[in-house]
Structure formats: structure tokens, C-alpha cells
Amino acid sequence: MRHPEEYVEDVLSCVEQVPPGRVTTYGAIAEAVGRYGPRRVGNVMAGHGAAVAWWRVVRADGSLPPSHDGEARQAYLEEGTALRPSGRVDLEVAFFRPAPPGPPAMIRG
């Protein structure tokens, strides 16, 4: 059983894989990390995601919560992220599937 801190690190590691101009979904991260679903990934992002490119993680329909739209839209425009006329990210063009996080680093002594 993994510790909660390791799960948080694994989620953030997946977000760090997403290149500029691309996005992934909460579900894709949950799949890569395993064990929990998209809601748990959302909880991790809400509590710990400020240090990573949080706008690169969207809902399955390509949207973010309305409270994030302004900042995220600016980042999408700066990064050249493909958007639909609705303002949602075009997942057919911009989707990136993160790889499962690697094993924890071994401590050498």
C-alpha cells in the first residue's frame, strides 16, 4: 500500500510529463497512477497542483472548472493549445497520455 505522499508525488509527476500545448485528463492520470479514480486526482490537484502546470489537466470534455477559465485560457493561448469554438480544449488534437510514474528512487547510503 502506497503512502498518501507517494500518491501525490505520482500524480504531480504525471502532470509534469505533459508538454506545453498539450493536455491530459484527470481520468488519464488516474489510469496511469492506478488505484484511485479521477476525483482523487482532482483532490490532489486542488491541494497540491499550484506548483505544476495545472491548466494542462482538464475534464474528460476538455473543460476546466469555471473559476479557472481566465488563467487557463491565457496559458492555452501562450502555449498554442488547440481550442474548440466553445473555448474547451480540443482533446482530439491536444490530448497527451502520461506514462505511469517510475518506481521510487532508491536511497543510496
N, C-alpha and C. Protein backbone atom coordinates (compact mmCIF):
# COMPACT_ATOMS: atom_id res chain seq x y z
N MET A 1 0.84 -1.19 0.00
CA MET A 1 0.00 0.00 0.00
C MET A 1 0.88 1.25 0.00
N ARG A 2 0.59 2.16 -0.91
CA ARG A 2 1.39 3.38 -1.02
C ARG A 2 0.91 4.41 -0.01
N HIS A 3 1.84 5.21 0.46
CA HIS A 3 1.51 6.30 1.37
C HIS A 3 0.86 7.43 0.57
N PRO A 4 0.01 8.21 1.23
CA PRO A 4 -0.63 9.33 0.53
C PRO A 4 0.36 10.27 -0.13
N GLU A 5 1.51 10.51 0.50
CA GLU A 5 2.51 11.40 -0.08
C GLU A 5 3.03 10.86 -1.40
N GLU A 6 3.19 9.54 -1.48
CA GLU A 6 3.67 8.92 -2.71
C GLU A 6 2.63 9.07 -3.82
N TYR A 7 1.35 8.94 -3.46
CA TYR A 7 0.30 9.11 -4.46
C TYR A 7 0.32 10.54 -5.00
N VAL A 8 0.45 11.52 -4.12
CA VAL A 8 0.52 12.92 -4.53
C VAL A 8 1.71 13.11 -5.47
N GLU A 9 2.86 12.59 -5.12
CA GLU A 9 4.05 12.72 -5.96
C GLU A 9 3.84 12.07 -7.32
N ASP A 10 3.18 10.91 -7.34
CA ASP A 10 2.92 10.22 -8.60
C ASP A 10 1.99 11.05 -9.50
N VAL A 11 0.95 11.63 -8.93
CA VAL A 11 0.03 12.47 -9.71
C VAL A 11 0.78 13.66 -10.28
N LEU A 12 1.53 14.36 -9.43
CA LEU A 12 2.25 15.55 -9.89
C LEU A 12 3.31 15.18 -10.93
N SER A 13 3.91 14.01 -10.79
CA SER A 13 4.89 13.54 -11.78
C SER A 13 4.22 13.35 -13.14
N CYS A 14 3.01 12.83 -13.16
CA CYS A 14 2.27 12.67 -14.42
C CYS A 14 1.97 14.03 -15.04
N VAL A 15 1.58 15.00 -14.23
CA VAL A 15 1.28 16.34 -14.76
C VAL A 15 2.54 16.95 -15.35
N GLU A 16 3.68 16.73 -14.72
CA GLU A 16 4.94 17.30 -15.21
C GLU A 16 5.36 16.72 -16.56
N GLN A 17 4.82 15.57 -16.94
CA GLN A 17 5.14 14.97 -18.23
C GLN A 17 4.46 15.68 -19.40
N VAL A 18 3.36 16.38 -19.13
CA VAL A 18 2.55 16.97 -20.19
C VAL A 18 3.28 18.18 -20.79
N PRO A 19 3.61 18.12 -22.07
CA PRO A 19 4.35 19.22 -22.68
C PRO A 19 3.47 20.45 -22.94
N PRO A 20 4.09 21.60 -23.09
CA PRO A 20 3.33 22.81 -23.43
C PRO A 20 2.50 22.59 -24.69
N GLY A 21 1.29 23.13 -24.69
CA GLY A 21 0.41 23.00 -25.84
C GLY A 21 -0.41 21.73 -25.86
N ARG A 22 -0.21 20.88 -24.86
CA ARG A 22 -0.93 19.61 -24.77
C ARG A 22 -1.63 19.56 -23.42
N VAL A 23 -2.59 18.66 -23.28
CA VAL A 23 -3.30 18.47 -22.01
C VAL A 23 -3.53 16.98 -21.79
N THR A 24 -3.85 16.66 -20.56
CA THR A 24 -4.30 15.33 -20.22
C THR A 24 -5.56 15.49 -19.37
N THR A 25 -6.17 14.38 -19.03
CA THR A 25 -7.39 14.44 -18.23
C THR A 25 -7.15 13.85 -16.85
N TYR A 26 -8.06 14.20 -15.94
CA TYR A 26 -8.00 13.62 -14.60
C TYR A 26 -8.06 12.10 -14.68
N GLY A 27 -8.89 11.59 -15.59
CA GLY A 27 -9.03 10.15 -15.76
C GLY A 27 -7.78 9.49 -16.29
N ALA A 28 -7.09 10.14 -17.24
CA ALA A 28 -5.86 9.57 -17.79
C ALA A 28 -4.77 9.49 -16.72
N ILE A 29 -4.72 10.51 -15.86
CA ILE A 29 -3.75 10.47 -14.77
C ILE A 29 -4.12 9.36 -13.79
N ALA A 30 -5.40 9.24 -13.47
CA ALA A 30 -5.84 8.18 -12.56
C ALA A 30 -5.47 6.81 -13.12
N GLU A 31 -5.64 6.64 -14.42
CA GLU A 31 -5.28 5.38 -15.07
C GLU A 31 -3.78 5.12 -14.99
N ALA A 32 -2.99 6.15 -15.24
CA ALA A 32 -1.53 5.99 -15.21
C ALA A 32 -1.02 5.67 -13.81
N VAL A 33 -1.58 6.37 -12.82
CA VAL A 33 -1.12 6.20 -11.44
C VAL A 33 -1.71 4.94 -10.83
N GLY A 34 -2.96 4.64 -11.18
CA GLY A 34 -3.63 3.46 -10.64
C GLY A 34 -4.21 3.69 -9.26
N ARG A 35 -5.03 2.76 -8.84
CA ARG A 35 -5.60 2.68 -7.51
C ARG A 35 -6.80 3.58 -7.25
N TYR A 36 -6.78 4.84 -7.59
CA TYR A 36 -7.89 5.74 -7.34
C TYR A 36 -8.41 6.32 -8.65
N GLY A 37 -9.58 6.93 -8.59
CA GLY A 37 -10.19 7.50 -9.78
C GLY A 37 -9.90 8.98 -9.98
N PRO A 38 -10.56 9.56 -10.99
CA PRO A 38 -10.34 10.96 -11.35
C PRO A 38 -10.64 11.95 -10.22
N ARG A 39 -11.61 11.65 -9.38
CA ARG A 39 -11.92 12.59 -8.29
C ARG A 39 -10.76 12.73 -7.32
N ARG A 40 -10.09 11.63 -7.06
CA ARG A 40 -8.94 11.69 -6.16
C ARG A 40 -7.82 12.50 -6.80
N VAL A 41 -7.64 12.35 -8.11
CA VAL A 41 -6.65 13.16 -8.82
C VAL A 41 -7.02 14.63 -8.69
N GLY A 42 -8.31 14.95 -8.85
CA GLY A 42 -8.78 16.33 -8.69
C GLY A 42 -8.49 16.86 -7.30
N ASN A 43 -8.66 16.03 -6.30
CA ASN A 43 -8.36 16.45 -4.92
C ASN A 43 -6.87 16.75 -4.76
N VAL A 44 -6.03 15.91 -5.34
CA VAL A 44 -4.59 16.15 -5.28
C VAL A 44 -4.26 17.47 -5.97
N MET A 45 -4.84 17.69 -7.15
CA MET A 45 -4.55 18.92 -7.89
C MET A 45 -5.04 20.15 -7.12
N ALA A 46 -6.19 20.04 -6.48
CA ALA A 46 -6.72 21.17 -5.70
C ALA A 46 -5.81 21.51 -4.53
N GLY A 47 -5.24 20.51 -3.92
CA GLY A 47 -4.41 20.74 -2.74
C GLY A 47 -2.93 20.94 -3.01
N HIS A 48 -2.45 20.42 -4.13
CA HIS A 48 -1.00 20.42 -4.37
C HIS A 48 -0.60 20.84 -5.78
N GLY A 49 -1.55 21.16 -6.64
CA GLY A 49 -1.26 21.38 -8.04
C GLY A 49 -0.72 22.74 -8.41
N ALA A 50 -0.64 23.65 -7.47
CA ALA A 50 -0.17 25.01 -7.80
C ALA A 50 1.27 25.03 -8.31
N ALA A 51 2.07 24.05 -7.93
CA ALA A 51 3.48 24.04 -8.31
C ALA A 51 3.72 23.45 -9.69
N VAL A 52 2.68 22.91 -10.32
CA VAL A 52 2.83 22.32 -11.66
C VAL A 52 1.90 23.05 -12.63
N ALA A 53 1.98 22.69 -13.89
CA ALA A 53 1.14 23.33 -14.92
C ALA A 53 -0.28 22.76 -14.84
N TRP A 54 -1.04 23.19 -13.84
CA TRP A 54 -2.36 22.65 -13.53
C TRP A 54 -3.34 22.81 -14.69
N TRP A 55 -3.16 23.84 -15.52
CA TRP A 55 -4.09 24.07 -16.63
C TRP A 55 -3.98 22.99 -17.69
N ARG A 56 -2.96 22.17 -17.62
CA ARG A 56 -2.79 21.08 -18.58
C ARG A 56 -3.56 19.83 -18.17
N VAL A 57 -4.34 19.91 -17.10
CA VAL A 57 -5.20 18.80 -16.66
C VAL A 57 -6.64 19.29 -16.75
N VAL A 58 -7.42 18.62 -17.59
CA VAL A 58 -8.79 19.05 -17.84
C VAL A 58 -9.76 17.89 -17.60
N ARG A 59 -11.03 18.24 -17.61
CA ARG A 59 -12.08 17.23 -17.53
C ARG A 59 -12.14 16.44 -18.84
N ALA A 60 -12.85 15.33 -18.81
CA ALA A 60 -12.96 14.46 -19.99
C ALA A 60 -13.58 15.17 -21.19
N ASP A 61 -14.31 16.26 -20.96
CA ASP A 61 -14.91 17.01 -22.08
C ASP A 61 -14.03 18.18 -22.54
N GLY A 62 -12.82 18.29 -21.98
CA GLY A 62 -11.89 19.34 -22.37
C GLY A 62 -12.06 20.64 -21.60
N SER A 63 -12.89 20.64 -20.57
CA SER A 63 -13.13 21.86 -19.81
C SER A 63 -12.44 21.84 -18.46
N LEU A 64 -12.34 23.03 -17.89
CA LEU A 64 -11.86 23.22 -16.53
C LEU A 64 -13.01 23.79 -15.72
N PRO A 65 -12.93 23.74 -14.39
CA PRO A 65 -13.94 24.43 -13.60
C PRO A 65 -13.99 25.90 -13.99
N PRO A 66 -15.17 26.51 -14.02
CA PRO A 66 -15.29 27.92 -14.44
C PRO A 66 -14.37 28.87 -13.70
N SER A 67 -14.06 28.60 -12.47
CA SER A 67 -13.20 29.50 -11.70
C SER A 67 -11.77 29.55 -12.25
N HIS A 68 -11.39 28.60 -13.09
CA HIS A 68 -10.04 28.53 -13.64
C HIS A 68 -9.94 29.04 -15.08
N ASP A 69 -11.07 29.32 -15.70
CA ASP A 69 -11.09 29.64 -17.13
C ASP A 69 -10.15 30.77 -17.54
N GLY A 70 -10.15 31.87 -16.84
CA GLY A 70 -9.36 33.03 -17.26
C GLY A 70 -7.88 32.74 -17.33
N GLU A 71 -7.33 32.24 -16.24
CA GLU A 71 -5.89 31.94 -16.20
C GLU A 71 -5.53 30.84 -17.19
N ALA A 72 -6.37 29.80 -17.24
CA ALA A 72 -6.08 28.69 -18.13
C ALA A 72 -6.13 29.12 -19.58
N ARG A 73 -7.13 29.90 -19.95
CA ARG A 73 -7.25 30.35 -21.34
C ARG A 73 -6.00 31.12 -21.77
N GLN A 74 -5.50 31.98 -20.90
CA GLN A 74 -4.29 32.73 -21.22
C GLN A 74 -3.11 31.78 -21.44
N ALA A 75 -2.98 30.77 -20.58
CA ALA A 75 -1.90 29.79 -20.74
C ALA A 75 -2.07 29.01 -22.04
N TYR A 76 -3.31 28.63 -22.38
CA TYR A 76 -3.54 27.89 -23.62
C TYR A 76 -3.13 28.72 -24.82
N LEU A 77 -3.48 29.99 -24.81
CA LEU A 77 -3.13 30.87 -25.93
C LEU A 77 -1.61 31.03 -26.03
N GLU A 78 -0.95 31.20 -24.91
CA GLU A 78 0.51 31.35 -24.91
C GLU A 78 1.21 30.09 -25.39
N GLU A 79 0.66 28.92 -25.05
CA GLU A 79 1.29 27.65 -25.41
C GLU A 79 0.83 27.11 -26.76
N GLY A 80 -0.19 27.74 -27.35
CA GLY A 80 -0.69 27.26 -28.63
C GLY A 80 -1.54 26.00 -28.52
N THR A 81 -2.21 25.82 -27.40
CA THR A 81 -3.06 24.66 -27.18
C THR A 81 -4.30 24.76 -28.09
N ALA A 82 -4.64 23.66 -28.76
CA ALA A 82 -5.79 23.64 -29.66
C ALA A 82 -7.09 23.79 -28.86
N LEU A 83 -7.89 24.78 -29.24
CA LEU A 83 -9.17 25.03 -28.57
C LEU A 83 -10.32 24.87 -29.56
N ARG A 84 -11.46 24.48 -29.05
CA ARG A 84 -12.68 24.41 -29.85
C ARG A 84 -13.35 25.78 -29.80
N PRO A 85 -14.29 26.06 -30.69
CA PRO A 85 -15.01 27.34 -30.64
C PRO A 85 -15.70 27.59 -29.30
N SER A 86 -16.06 26.52 -28.59
CA SER A 86 -16.71 26.65 -27.29
C SER A 86 -15.75 27.15 -26.21
N GLY A 87 -14.44 27.12 -26.50
CA GLY A 87 -13.44 27.51 -25.51
C GLY A 87 -12.82 26.32 -24.81
N ARG A 88 -13.41 25.16 -24.97
CA ARG A 88 -12.84 23.95 -24.38
C ARG A 88 -11.62 23.52 -25.19
N VAL A 89 -10.75 22.77 -24.54
CA VAL A 89 -9.58 22.23 -25.24
C VAL A 89 -10.06 21.17 -26.24
N ASP A 90 -9.47 21.16 -27.41
CA ASP A 90 -9.77 20.15 -28.42
C ASP A 90 -8.93 18.92 -28.09
N LEU A 91 -9.54 17.97 -27.42
CA LEU A 91 -8.81 16.78 -26.96
C LEU A 91 -8.35 15.89 -28.12
N GLU A 92 -9.04 15.95 -29.25
CA GLU A 92 -8.60 15.15 -30.40
C GLU A 92 -7.23 15.60 -30.89
N VAL A 93 -6.92 16.86 -30.69
CA VAL A 93 -5.64 17.42 -31.14
C VAL A 93 -4.62 17.50 -30.01
N ALA A 94 -5.06 17.90 -28.83
CA ALA A 94 -4.13 18.26 -27.75
C ALA A 94 -3.91 17.18 -26.68
N PHE A 95 -4.62 16.05 -26.75
CA PHE A 95 -4.52 15.06 -25.68
C PHE A 95 -3.14 14.42 -25.60
N PHE A 96 -2.64 14.27 -24.38
CA PHE A 96 -1.36 13.61 -24.09
C PHE A 96 -1.62 12.56 -23.02
N ARG A 97 -1.20 11.33 -23.27
CA ARG A 97 -1.38 10.25 -22.28
C ARG A 97 -0.09 10.10 -21.47
N PRO A 98 -0.14 10.41 -20.16
CA PRO A 98 1.06 10.28 -19.34
C PRO A 98 1.43 8.81 -19.11
N ALA A 99 2.71 8.57 -19.00
CA ALA A 99 3.21 7.24 -18.68
C ALA A 99 3.08 7.02 -17.17
N PRO A 100 2.92 5.78 -16.76
CA PRO A 100 2.91 5.51 -15.32
C PRO A 100 4.20 6.00 -14.69
N PRO A 101 4.10 6.55 -13.47
CA PRO A 101 5.32 7.00 -12.80
C PRO A 101 6.24 5.82 -12.52
N GLY A 102 7.53 6.09 -12.55
CA GLY A 102 8.51 5.05 -12.29
C GLY A 102 8.55 4.68 -10.81
N PRO A 103 9.32 3.66 -10.48
CA PRO A 103 9.46 3.27 -9.08
C PRO A 103 10.14 4.37 -8.28
N PRO A 104 9.86 4.45 -6.99
CA PRO A 104 10.52 5.47 -6.17
C PRO A 104 12.03 5.34 -6.25
N ALA A 105 12.70 6.45 -6.21
CA ALA A 105 14.17 6.45 -6.26
C ALA A 105 14.73 5.73 -5.03
N MET A 106 15.74 4.93 -5.26
CA MET A 106 16.36 4.23 -4.15
C MET A 106 17.34 5.17 -3.45
N ILE A 107 17.36 5.10 -2.18
CA ILE A 107 18.27 5.93 -1.39
C ILE A 107 19.57 5.16 -1.22
N ARG A 108 20.65 5.77 -1.65
CA ARG A 108 21.94 5.10 -1.53
C ARG A 108 22.69 5.69 -0.33
N GLY A 109 23.32 4.86 0.36
CA GLY A 109 23.99 5.37 1.56
C GLY A 109 25.38 4.96 1.72
